[in-house]
Amino acid sequence: MASFVERFDVWTPEQARAAEELARRLEAGEVDVVRFAFPDLHGILRGKTLVASEAVSALRGGVNMTTTLFAKDTSHLTVFPVFSAGGGFDFEGMQGAADFVMVADPATFRVLPWSPRTGWVLCDAYMTDGRKAPLETRGILRRALGLLEEQGMSLTAGLEVEFHVFRVEDPKMGLHDGSQQGQPGLPPEVSLLTHGYQYLTEQRYDATEDLMELLRTTMQGLQLPVHSMEIEFGPSQFELTFGPMPGMMAADAMVLVRSAVKQVCQRHGYHATFMCRPKIPNVMSSGWHLHQSLCDLNTGRNLFIPEKEGSDLSEVGYQYLAGLLAHAAGAAPLSTPTINGYRRYRSFSLAPDRASWGRDNRGAMLRVLGGVGQAATRIENRVGEPCANPYLYMASQVFSGLDGIQRKLQPCPSADEPYEDTTEPLPRSLPDALRALRQDEYLCQQLTPQFVNYYCHIKEAELSRFNQAVTEWEQREYFTLF
């Protein structure tokens, strides 16, 4: 009987060749188990672990999973009525917690350096009838990159990722500390690894060298192009930077980086979090700065490099930049998808608070780097939070930039004083951002109205839970006064 891959012809010739080589490695006993993983709506990896002998056939046969994994908010609560008519979705095949199929992308296979007898492979999601799963975010980025390719261009992206790492004092794993759907378990009690605000000092780096070496060896063991491990501004805050990668590879790298950092830190008594602004004293918010440029598909030439002295970007680069600015508000819930992430948008905080751009200006949303004759000419978008689903964040960039190119948009003047600029403020909350996305007809069309409705439904369920909770601020403000 033909396999799922053969019946529906879902692999490229390159993937088929990679699968043959991977099957040989598995049959030779290189690993004992293989983790088949796919990124959910939030960019969190979910999947199943198969013994190596079963993984060989699963490469082509796929691995069945429940469609409720597309229905969960950030608390893992299923927020769609999956057993009602249609399952609460506007998509066929989702009713009744039915199955979908994970199909491995064999080119993504890794042996995990922290678990050396364990293989890992990233998967794409398909419905059981061979259709691409309509809610799969990796497919959305693939479609955006396909539109670029139709124009003879490709995306190159580099990652700067900030996060916090703490020492675990109490993991909060008592019998009464467990979680339930809609109510995550208690977070661990932690202590600092650095006091903070000794930005990039060698002394602080040396004091945390054990952690830095752990991160370096992990990233290099995963064959990711890590450039630096850095001490960031805030207490216990760190940063990893990575060299330029093709668009899909960069997004895949981001989900792997987040998962790997959390796993290796946990194994060594640390707690790593990519939450934008943890509730700790003197905290500094974490961001994810996305460097991007377009290249000519045939020659590999960076299309952002200007030819005229005095220009920061080429004409195509300026048009792409203008598209990012035009859709900054609508793209906000994709670059900053959590309630917490909007606490980062503060003036004079090295984070943007409006849709502006500037030449080598870290206060602007878009920082333009490079110039005539400089191969690394690029746009750095500083708007994102490290929690963002990389496929949606990067797809929003491609869609927005393409609109600027197709309409030949021109950006506003550069902002030399970005926090005093008069350009459009960024949304100040997740509800504002979701409204901006719904009002952005172009992004809704590119993402599809069905996906936007689905995405907003899950995020609004998250907001509803938040609004029902009584905060510490409310208790302190009103409990004694009234």
Protein backbone atom coordinates (compact mmCIF):
# COMPACT_ATOMS: atom_id res chain seq x y z
CA MET A 1 0.00 0.00 0.00
CA ALA A 2 1.30 3.47 -0.87
CA SER A 3 2.41 5.67 2.02
CA PHE A 4 0.80 9.02 2.89
CA VAL A 5 3.72 10.84 1.27
CA GLU A 6 3.38 8.80 -1.93
CA ARG A 7 -0.41 9.00 -2.14
CA PHE A 8 -0.50 12.77 -1.85
CA ASP A 9 2.92 13.64 -3.31
CA VAL A 10 3.80 16.01 -0.46
CA TRP A 11 7.60 15.96 -0.68
CA THR A 12 9.92 17.76 -3.03
CA PRO A 13 12.65 15.68 -4.74
CA GLU A 14 15.15 17.18 -2.28
CA GLN A 15 13.06 16.05 0.69
CA ALA A 16 12.71 12.56 -0.79
CA ARG A 17 16.50 12.26 -1.10
CA ALA A 18 16.98 13.56 2.44
CA ALA A 19 14.46 10.97 3.69
CA GLU A 20 16.40 8.13 2.09
CA GLU A 21 19.58 9.22 3.82
CA LEU A 22 17.75 9.70 7.13
CA ALA A 23 16.19 6.22 6.90
CA ARG A 24 19.67 4.73 6.42
CA ARG A 25 20.90 6.54 9.54
CA LEU A 26 17.95 5.31 11.59
CA GLU A 27 18.34 1.73 10.37
CA ALA A 28 22.06 1.90 11.24
CA GLY A 29 21.12 2.57 14.87
CA GLU A 30 22.40 6.13 15.14
CA VAL A 31 19.60 7.05 17.58
CA ASP A 32 17.17 5.17 19.80
CA VAL A 33 14.16 7.48 19.45
CA VAL A 34 13.00 10.30 17.18
CA ARG A 35 10.89 13.25 18.29
CA PHE A 36 8.42 14.25 15.56
CA ALA A 37 7.44 17.88 16.30
CA PHE A 38 5.30 20.58 14.74
CA PRO A 39 4.90 24.24 15.80
CA ASP A 40 1.38 25.08 16.96
CA LEU A 41 -0.34 28.46 16.59
CA HIS A 42 1.84 29.93 19.35
CA GLY A 43 5.08 28.55 17.93
CA ILE A 44 5.25 25.95 20.71
CA LEU A 45 6.54 22.55 19.61
CA ARG A 46 4.16 19.63 20.07
CA GLY A 47 4.51 16.07 18.83
CA LYS A 48 5.22 12.43 19.57
CA THR A 49 8.35 10.41 20.25
CA LEU A 50 8.77 7.16 18.30
CA VAL A 51 11.32 4.41 18.71
CA ALA A 52 13.76 4.41 15.80
CA SER A 53 12.36 1.27 14.14
CA GLU A 54 8.89 2.85 13.98
CA ALA A 55 10.30 6.22 12.94
CA VAL A 56 11.58 4.74 9.66
CA SER A 57 8.08 3.95 8.41
CA ALA A 58 6.63 7.12 9.99
CA LEU A 59 8.87 9.24 7.77
CA ARG A 60 6.63 8.40 4.81
CA GLY A 61 3.52 7.24 6.62
CA GLY A 62 3.21 10.28 8.87
CA VAL A 63 2.23 10.51 12.52
CA ASN A 64 -1.40 11.05 13.52
CA MET A 65 -2.26 13.83 15.97
CA THR A 66 -5.51 15.32 17.25
CA THR A 67 -6.83 18.51 15.67
CA THR A 68 -7.59 19.91 19.15
CA LEU A 69 -3.92 20.94 19.19
CA PHE A 70 -4.97 23.73 16.82
CA ALA A 71 -7.70 24.80 19.27
CA LYS A 72 -5.64 25.62 22.35
CA ASP A 73 -4.77 28.97 23.84
CA THR A 74 -1.58 29.70 25.78
CA SER A 75 -2.92 27.89 28.87
CA HIS A 76 -3.48 24.74 26.75
CA LEU A 77 -7.22 25.25 27.10
CA THR A 78 -9.30 24.07 24.12
CA VAL A 79 -11.27 27.19 23.24
CA PHE A 80 -13.35 25.80 20.36
CA PRO A 81 -16.42 23.54 20.85
CA VAL A 82 -14.80 20.67 18.97
CA PHE A 83 -17.70 18.24 19.50
CA SER A 84 -20.35 20.59 18.14
CA ALA A 85 -21.35 20.90 14.48
CA GLY A 86 -18.25 21.90 12.53
CA GLY A 87 -16.18 21.79 15.69
CA GLY A 88 -16.48 25.54 16.08
CA PHE A 89 -14.01 26.09 13.23
CA ASP A 90 -14.62 27.53 9.80
CA PHE A 91 -12.60 24.67 8.33
CA GLU A 92 -13.64 21.23 7.16
CA GLY A 93 -12.30 18.19 9.00
CA MET A 94 -11.92 19.70 12.49
CA GLN A 95 -15.08 18.36 14.15
CA GLY A 96 -14.98 15.72 16.86
CA ALA A 97 -11.28 16.04 17.75
CA ALA A 98 -10.48 14.28 14.48
CA ASP A 99 -6.95 13.44 13.39
CA PHE A 100 -4.47 15.32 11.27
CA VAL A 101 -1.14 13.96 10.04
CA MET A 102 2.34 15.22 10.84
CA VAL A 103 4.68 14.64 7.90
CA ALA A 104 8.39 15.00 8.59
CA ASP A 105 10.51 17.51 6.73
CA PRO A 106 13.59 15.26 6.64
CA ALA A 107 15.94 18.16 5.86
CA THR A 108 15.36 19.48 9.40
CA PHE A 109 16.60 16.34 11.19
CA ARG A 110 18.97 16.85 14.11
CA VAL A 111 20.51 14.68 16.81
CA LEU A 112 19.88 16.57 20.04
CA PRO A 113 23.22 17.38 21.69
CA TRP A 114 21.74 17.27 25.20
CA SER A 115 20.14 13.87 24.53
CA PRO A 116 22.61 12.26 22.09
CA ARG A 117 20.59 9.10 21.38
CA THR A 118 17.56 11.22 20.47
CA GLY A 119 16.74 12.45 16.99
CA TRP A 120 14.46 15.38 16.24
CA VAL A 121 12.61 16.32 13.06
CA LEU A 122 10.27 19.19 12.30
CA CYS A 123 6.99 18.33 10.60
CA ASP A 124 4.34 19.88 8.39
CA ALA A 125 0.65 19.32 9.14
CA TYR A 126 -1.80 17.76 6.68
CA MET A 127 -5.43 16.75 6.91
CA THR A 128 -6.08 13.05 6.52
CA ASP A 129 -7.31 13.60 2.94
CA GLY A 130 -3.95 15.08 1.93
CA ARG A 131 -4.90 18.77 2.14
CA LYS A 132 -2.46 21.09 3.85
CA ALA A 133 -3.79 21.78 7.34
CA PRO A 134 -5.32 25.26 6.92
CA LEU A 135 -4.25 26.42 10.39
CA GLU A 136 -0.61 25.41 10.09
CA THR A 137 1.58 28.49 10.43
CA ARG A 138 4.67 27.04 8.75
CA GLY A 139 2.56 26.80 5.61
CA ILE A 140 1.64 30.49 5.86
CA LEU A 141 5.30 31.49 5.79
CA ARG A 142 5.94 29.07 2.93
CA ARG A 143 3.16 30.76 0.95
CA ALA A 144 4.60 34.22 1.67
CA LEU A 145 8.05 33.11 0.55
CA GLY A 146 6.46 31.64 -2.58
CA LEU A 147 5.07 35.07 -3.48
CA LEU A 148 8.57 36.48 -3.14
CA GLU A 149 9.94 33.79 -5.40
CA GLU A 150 7.37 34.67 -8.06
CA GLN A 151 9.00 38.12 -8.08
CA GLY A 152 12.47 36.59 -8.40
CA MET A 153 13.41 37.32 -4.79
CA SER A 154 14.17 35.46 -1.58
CA LEU A 155 14.25 36.47 2.09
CA THR A 156 17.41 36.45 4.21
CA ALA A 157 16.93 36.83 7.96
CA GLY A 158 19.14 37.12 11.02
CA LEU A 159 18.03 36.68 14.64
CA GLU A 160 18.83 38.61 17.81
CA VAL A 161 16.98 36.96 20.68
CA GLU A 162 16.82 38.26 24.25
CA PHE A 163 15.63 36.12 27.17
CA HIS A 164 16.06 35.58 30.90
CA VAL A 165 17.69 32.68 32.75
CA PHE A 166 17.30 32.18 36.49
CA ARG A 167 18.54 29.63 39.00
CA VAL A 168 15.68 27.40 40.22
CA GLU A 169 15.27 27.48 44.01
CA ASP A 170 11.92 25.69 44.25
CA PRO A 171 10.44 24.00 41.16
CA LYS A 172 6.94 24.06 42.72
CA MET A 173 6.22 20.42 41.98
CA GLY A 174 4.24 19.59 45.12
CA LEU A 175 0.96 17.70 44.90
CA HIS A 176 -1.04 20.94 45.11
CA ASP A 177 1.04 22.80 42.51
CA GLY A 178 -0.32 21.06 39.42
CA SER A 179 -2.13 22.76 36.59
CA GLN A 180 -5.36 22.24 34.74
CA GLN A 181 -6.72 23.49 31.43
CA GLY A 182 -7.04 27.25 31.65
CA GLN A 183 -5.00 27.41 34.85
CA PRO A 184 -1.25 26.81 34.45
CA GLY A 185 0.64 25.44 37.44
CA LEU A 186 2.62 27.68 39.75
CA PRO A 187 5.84 29.02 38.23
CA PRO A 188 9.10 28.05 39.95
CA GLU A 189 10.70 30.19 42.61
CA VAL A 190 13.95 31.49 41.18
CA SER A 191 17.00 33.60 41.97
CA LEU A 192 19.20 35.78 39.77
CA LEU A 193 22.31 34.81 37.85
CA THR A 194 23.30 38.47 37.35
CA HIS A 195 22.31 41.66 39.16
CA GLY A 196 21.76 43.46 35.89
CA TYR A 197 22.73 46.80 34.31
CA GLN A 198 26.33 45.82 33.70
CA TYR A 199 25.71 45.59 29.97
CA LEU A 200 28.30 43.51 28.08
CA THR A 201 30.85 43.59 30.91
CA GLU A 202 33.46 40.87 30.76
CA GLN A 203 33.22 40.34 34.50
CA ARG A 204 29.54 39.41 34.29
CA TYR A 205 30.19 37.19 31.28
CA ASP A 206 32.92 35.33 33.17
CA ALA A 207 30.63 34.89 36.19
CA THR A 208 28.07 33.14 33.96
CA GLU A 209 30.52 31.27 31.74
CA ASP A 210 29.06 27.87 32.66
CA LEU A 211 25.69 28.96 31.26
CA MET A 212 27.27 30.62 28.21
CA GLU A 213 29.27 27.50 27.36
CA LEU A 214 26.13 25.41 27.77
CA LEU A 215 24.29 27.64 25.30
CA ARG A 216 27.22 27.80 22.86
CA THR A 217 27.78 24.05 22.71
CA THR A 218 24.04 23.45 22.37
CA MET A 219 23.61 25.88 19.47
CA GLN A 220 26.70 24.62 17.67
CA GLY A 221 25.65 21.03 18.31
CA LEU A 222 22.37 21.85 16.56
CA GLN A 223 24.39 23.26 13.63
CA LEU A 224 22.85 26.71 14.06
CA PRO A 225 24.92 29.77 13.00
CA VAL A 226 25.30 31.27 16.47
CA HIS A 227 27.47 34.40 16.45
CA SER A 228 27.51 35.59 20.05
CA MET A 229 26.35 34.94 23.60
CA GLU A 230 25.85 38.24 25.40
CA ILE A 231 25.08 39.76 28.80
CA GLU A 232 22.04 41.99 28.32
CA PHE A 233 20.85 45.03 30.30
CA GLY A 234 18.49 43.63 32.92
CA PRO A 235 18.93 41.24 35.84
CA SER A 236 19.53 37.69 34.61
CA GLN A 237 18.97 38.80 30.99
CA PHE A 238 20.95 37.35 28.09
CA GLU A 239 21.02 37.43 24.30
CA LEU A 240 21.93 35.06 21.49
CA THR A 241 22.63 36.36 18.00
CA PHE A 242 22.65 34.30 14.81
CA GLY A 243 24.03 34.86 11.34
CA PRO A 244 21.90 35.31 8.20
CA MET A 245 19.80 32.36 7.04
CA PRO A 246 17.21 31.76 4.30
CA GLY A 247 13.71 32.71 5.47
CA MET A 248 12.24 29.30 6.33
CA MET A 249 15.49 28.12 7.86
CA ALA A 250 15.55 31.19 10.12
CA ALA A 251 11.99 30.57 11.33
CA ASP A 252 12.72 26.89 11.95
CA ALA A 253 15.87 27.91 13.84
CA MET A 254 13.89 30.22 16.12
CA VAL A 255 11.45 27.54 17.32
CA LEU A 256 14.37 25.15 17.84
CA VAL A 257 16.41 27.76 19.75
CA ARG A 258 13.59 28.50 22.18
CA SER A 259 12.85 24.83 22.80
CA ALA A 260 16.52 23.91 23.14
CA VAL A 261 17.40 26.73 25.55
CA LYS A 262 14.51 25.85 27.85
CA GLN A 263 15.33 22.13 27.83
CA VAL A 264 19.08 22.37 28.44
CA CYS A 265 18.62 25.01 31.13
CA GLN A 266 16.06 22.85 32.94
CA ARG A 267 18.47 19.91 32.92
CA HIS A 268 21.10 22.06 34.66
CA GLY A 269 18.94 23.59 37.38
CA TYR A 270 18.03 26.80 35.53
CA HIS A 271 14.74 28.25 34.36
CA ALA A 272 14.87 30.01 30.98
CA THR A 273 11.97 32.18 29.85
CA PHE A 274 11.29 34.03 26.62
CA MET A 275 8.42 35.90 28.29
CA CYS A 276 8.83 39.53 27.30
CA ARG A 277 8.63 41.17 30.73
CA PRO A 278 8.81 38.80 33.73
CA LYS A 279 7.53 40.10 37.06
CA ILE A 280 10.87 40.58 38.80
CA PRO A 281 12.27 43.77 40.37
CA ASN A 282 14.22 46.11 38.05
CA VAL A 283 13.37 43.99 35.03
CA MET A 284 14.31 44.92 31.47
CA SER A 285 11.93 43.74 28.73
CA SER A 286 13.21 41.22 26.19
CA GLY A 287 12.83 41.74 22.46
CA TRP A 288 13.41 39.78 19.29
CA HIS A 289 15.13 41.89 16.64
CA LEU A 290 14.57 40.50 13.16
CA HIS A 291 17.17 41.48 10.54
CA GLN A 292 15.93 41.12 6.98
CA SER A 293 16.94 41.71 3.40
CA LEU A 294 15.86 40.50 -0.02
CA CYS A 295 18.16 38.74 -2.45
CA ASP A 296 18.00 38.13 -6.19
CA LEU A 297 17.05 34.47 -6.67
CA ASN A 298 19.38 34.01 -9.62
CA THR A 299 22.47 35.89 -8.51
CA GLY A 300 22.15 35.97 -4.71
CA ARG A 301 22.78 39.73 -4.80
CA ASN A 302 21.42 41.73 -1.88
CA LEU A 303 18.66 43.86 -3.40
CA PHE A 304 18.70 46.38 -0.53
CA ILE A 305 22.18 47.72 -1.32
CA PRO A 306 21.89 51.29 -2.64
CA GLU A 307 23.86 52.45 -5.67
CA LYS A 308 23.56 56.19 -5.05
CA GLU A 309 25.77 57.87 -2.44
CA GLY A 310 23.74 59.31 0.39
CA SER A 311 21.01 56.67 0.10
CA ASP A 312 20.47 54.25 2.96
CA LEU A 313 18.67 51.64 0.82
CA SER A 314 17.96 50.81 -2.80
CA GLU A 315 14.60 51.79 -4.28
CA VAL A 316 13.29 48.28 -3.63
CA GLY A 317 14.61 48.52 -0.08
CA TYR A 318 12.79 51.80 0.54
CA GLN A 319 9.56 50.33 -0.86
CA TYR A 320 9.88 47.25 1.36
CA LEU A 321 10.57 49.54 4.33
CA ALA A 322 7.47 51.59 3.52
CA GLY A 323 5.36 48.43 3.43
CA LEU A 324 6.57 47.43 6.89
CA LEU A 325 5.59 50.86 8.19
CA ALA A 326 2.20 50.86 6.46
CA HIS A 327 1.20 47.55 8.06
CA ALA A 328 3.00 47.91 11.41
CA ALA A 329 -0.23 48.20 13.41
CA GLY A 330 -1.97 45.33 11.64
CA ALA A 331 1.09 43.09 11.99
CA ALA A 332 1.46 43.88 15.71
CA PRO A 333 -0.47 40.86 17.06
CA LEU A 334 1.79 38.61 14.97
CA SER A 335 5.05 40.19 16.14
CA THR A 336 3.76 40.75 19.70
CA PRO A 337 1.10 38.11 20.39
CA THR A 338 0.93 38.19 24.20
CA ILE A 339 -0.75 40.52 26.68
CA ASN A 340 2.59 40.89 28.45
CA GLY A 341 4.48 41.91 25.29
CA TYR A 342 2.76 45.31 25.08
CA ARG A 343 4.35 46.34 28.40
CA ARG A 344 7.58 46.63 26.41
CA TYR A 345 6.45 49.50 24.17
CA ARG A 346 7.78 52.33 26.34
CA SER A 347 9.43 55.57 25.32
CA PHE A 348 13.20 55.84 25.81
CA SER A 349 13.47 52.13 26.56
CA LEU A 350 15.36 50.86 23.48
CA ALA A 351 12.02 49.46 22.34
CA PRO A 352 9.82 51.16 19.73
CA ASP A 353 6.58 52.92 20.58
CA ARG A 354 5.57 54.03 17.07
CA ALA A 355 5.95 53.03 13.42
CA SER A 356 9.10 54.92 12.53
CA TRP A 357 12.46 54.21 10.92
CA GLY A 358 15.91 55.62 11.35
CA ARG A 359 19.44 55.24 10.11
CA ASP A 360 21.28 53.12 12.75
CA ASN A 361 18.86 54.33 15.46
CA ARG A 362 17.93 51.84 18.17
CA GLY A 363 14.92 53.88 19.27
CA ALA A 364 13.12 53.47 15.95
CA MET A 365 10.99 50.46 15.06
CA LEU A 366 12.99 49.92 11.88
CA ARG A 367 16.75 50.42 12.09
CA VAL A 368 18.44 50.64 8.69
CA LEU A 369 22.03 49.41 8.49
CA GLY A 370 24.55 49.36 5.65
CA GLY A 371 24.88 51.50 2.56
CA VAL A 372 26.61 51.73 -0.81
CA GLY A 373 28.92 48.78 -1.36
CA GLN A 374 28.01 47.11 1.94
CA ALA A 375 26.94 43.51 1.43
CA ALA A 376 25.20 43.33 4.82
CA THR A 377 22.77 46.19 4.10
CA ARG A 378 19.52 45.31 5.86
CA ILE A 379 16.51 46.41 7.89
CA GLU A 380 16.36 45.48 11.56
CA ASN A 381 12.80 45.35 12.88
CA ARG A 382 12.94 45.86 16.65
CA VAL A 383 9.20 45.46 17.26
CA GLY A 384 8.93 41.75 18.01
CA GLU A 385 8.83 39.92 21.32
CA PRO A 386 10.68 36.60 21.79
CA CYS A 387 7.35 34.78 22.30
CA ALA A 388 6.21 35.46 18.73
CA ASN A 389 5.43 32.56 16.42
CA PRO A 390 8.32 33.02 13.97
CA TYR A 391 6.32 31.82 10.98
CA LEU A 392 3.61 34.41 11.53
CA TYR A 393 6.03 37.20 12.46
CA MET A 394 8.17 36.61 9.38
CA ALA A 395 5.19 36.06 7.07
CA SER A 396 3.78 39.41 8.23
CA GLN A 397 7.06 41.04 7.24
CA VAL A 398 7.11 39.47 3.78
CA PHE A 399 3.46 40.25 3.06
CA SER A 400 3.88 43.86 4.26
CA GLY A 401 7.12 44.43 2.38
CA LEU A 402 5.71 42.96 -0.83
CA ASP A 403 2.76 45.34 -0.62
CA GLY A 404 5.19 48.23 -0.40
CA ILE A 405 7.07 46.97 -3.46
CA GLN A 406 3.96 46.27 -5.53
CA ARG A 407 2.43 49.68 -4.74
CA LYS A 408 5.83 51.44 -4.94
CA LEU A 409 5.26 53.04 -1.54
CA GLN A 410 7.74 55.58 -0.17
CA PRO A 411 8.53 55.77 3.55
CA CYS A 412 8.09 58.82 5.74
CA PRO A 413 11.25 60.78 6.60
CA SER A 414 13.68 59.07 8.95
CA ALA A 415 13.16 59.75 12.65
CA ASP A 416 16.29 61.15 14.24
CA GLU A 417 14.35 61.53 17.51
CA PRO A 418 12.08 58.47 17.32
CA TYR A 419 10.35 58.95 20.67
CA GLU A 420 9.31 62.48 19.71
CA ASP A 421 8.30 61.62 16.15
CA THR A 422 4.74 62.23 14.94
CA THR A 423 4.33 58.93 13.07
CA GLU A 424 1.59 56.43 13.94
CA PRO A 425 1.86 54.98 17.47
CA LEU A 426 2.01 51.22 17.73
CA PRO A 427 -0.95 49.51 19.43
CA ARG A 428 -0.64 49.77 23.20
CA SER A 429 -2.46 46.54 24.05
CA LEU A 430 -3.34 43.18 22.55
CA PRO A 431 -7.03 44.17 22.04
CA ASP A 432 -5.91 47.27 20.12
CA ALA A 433 -3.57 45.14 18.02
CA LEU A 434 -6.26 42.58 17.18
CA ARG A 435 -8.57 45.39 16.06
CA ALA A 436 -5.79 46.78 13.87
CA LEU A 437 -5.27 43.37 12.27
CA ARG A 438 -8.98 42.96 11.52
CA GLN A 439 -9.00 46.45 9.95
CA ASP A 440 -5.96 45.75 7.75
CA GLU A 441 -7.73 44.43 4.65
CA TYR A 442 -4.51 43.58 2.85
CA LEU A 443 -3.05 41.46 5.68
CA CYS A 444 -6.43 39.77 6.21
CA GLN A 445 -6.50 38.87 2.53
CA GLN A 446 -2.96 37.47 2.59
CA LEU A 447 -3.42 35.51 5.81
CA THR A 448 -7.02 34.66 4.70
CA PRO A 449 -10.05 35.97 6.61
CA GLN A 450 -10.70 32.49 8.01
CA PHE A 451 -7.25 32.30 9.57
CA VAL A 452 -7.51 35.84 10.99
CA ASN A 453 -10.87 34.99 12.59
CA TYR A 454 -9.39 31.80 14.03
CA TYR A 455 -6.31 33.59 15.35
CA CYS A 456 -8.30 36.42 16.90
CA HIS A 457 -10.73 33.95 18.51
CA ILE A 458 -7.92 32.18 20.36
CA LYS A 459 -6.26 35.42 21.43
CA GLU A 460 -9.60 36.85 22.59
CA ALA A 461 -10.16 33.72 24.69
CA GLU A 462 -6.80 34.41 26.31
CA LEU A 463 -7.87 38.01 26.95
CA SER A 464 -11.15 36.86 28.46
CA ARG A 465 -9.34 34.69 31.01
CA PHE A 466 -7.02 37.59 31.83
CA ASN A 467 -9.91 40.01 32.35
CA GLN A 468 -11.66 37.60 34.73
CA ALA A 469 -8.62 37.42 37.05
CA VAL A 470 -8.20 39.81 39.99
CA THR A 471 -4.71 41.31 39.82
CA GLU A 472 -2.38 42.26 42.66
CA TRP A 473 -2.79 45.91 41.61
CA GLU A 474 -6.59 45.76 42.07
CA GLN A 475 -6.26 44.10 45.47
CA ARG A 476 -3.76 46.69 46.68
CA GLU A 477 -5.68 49.63 45.19
CA TYR A 478 -9.24 48.88 46.35
CA PHE A 479 -9.31 46.29 49.15
CA THR A 480 -8.53 48.76 51.93
CA LEU A 481 -9.83 51.96 50.31
CA PHE A 482 -13.43 50.86 49.78
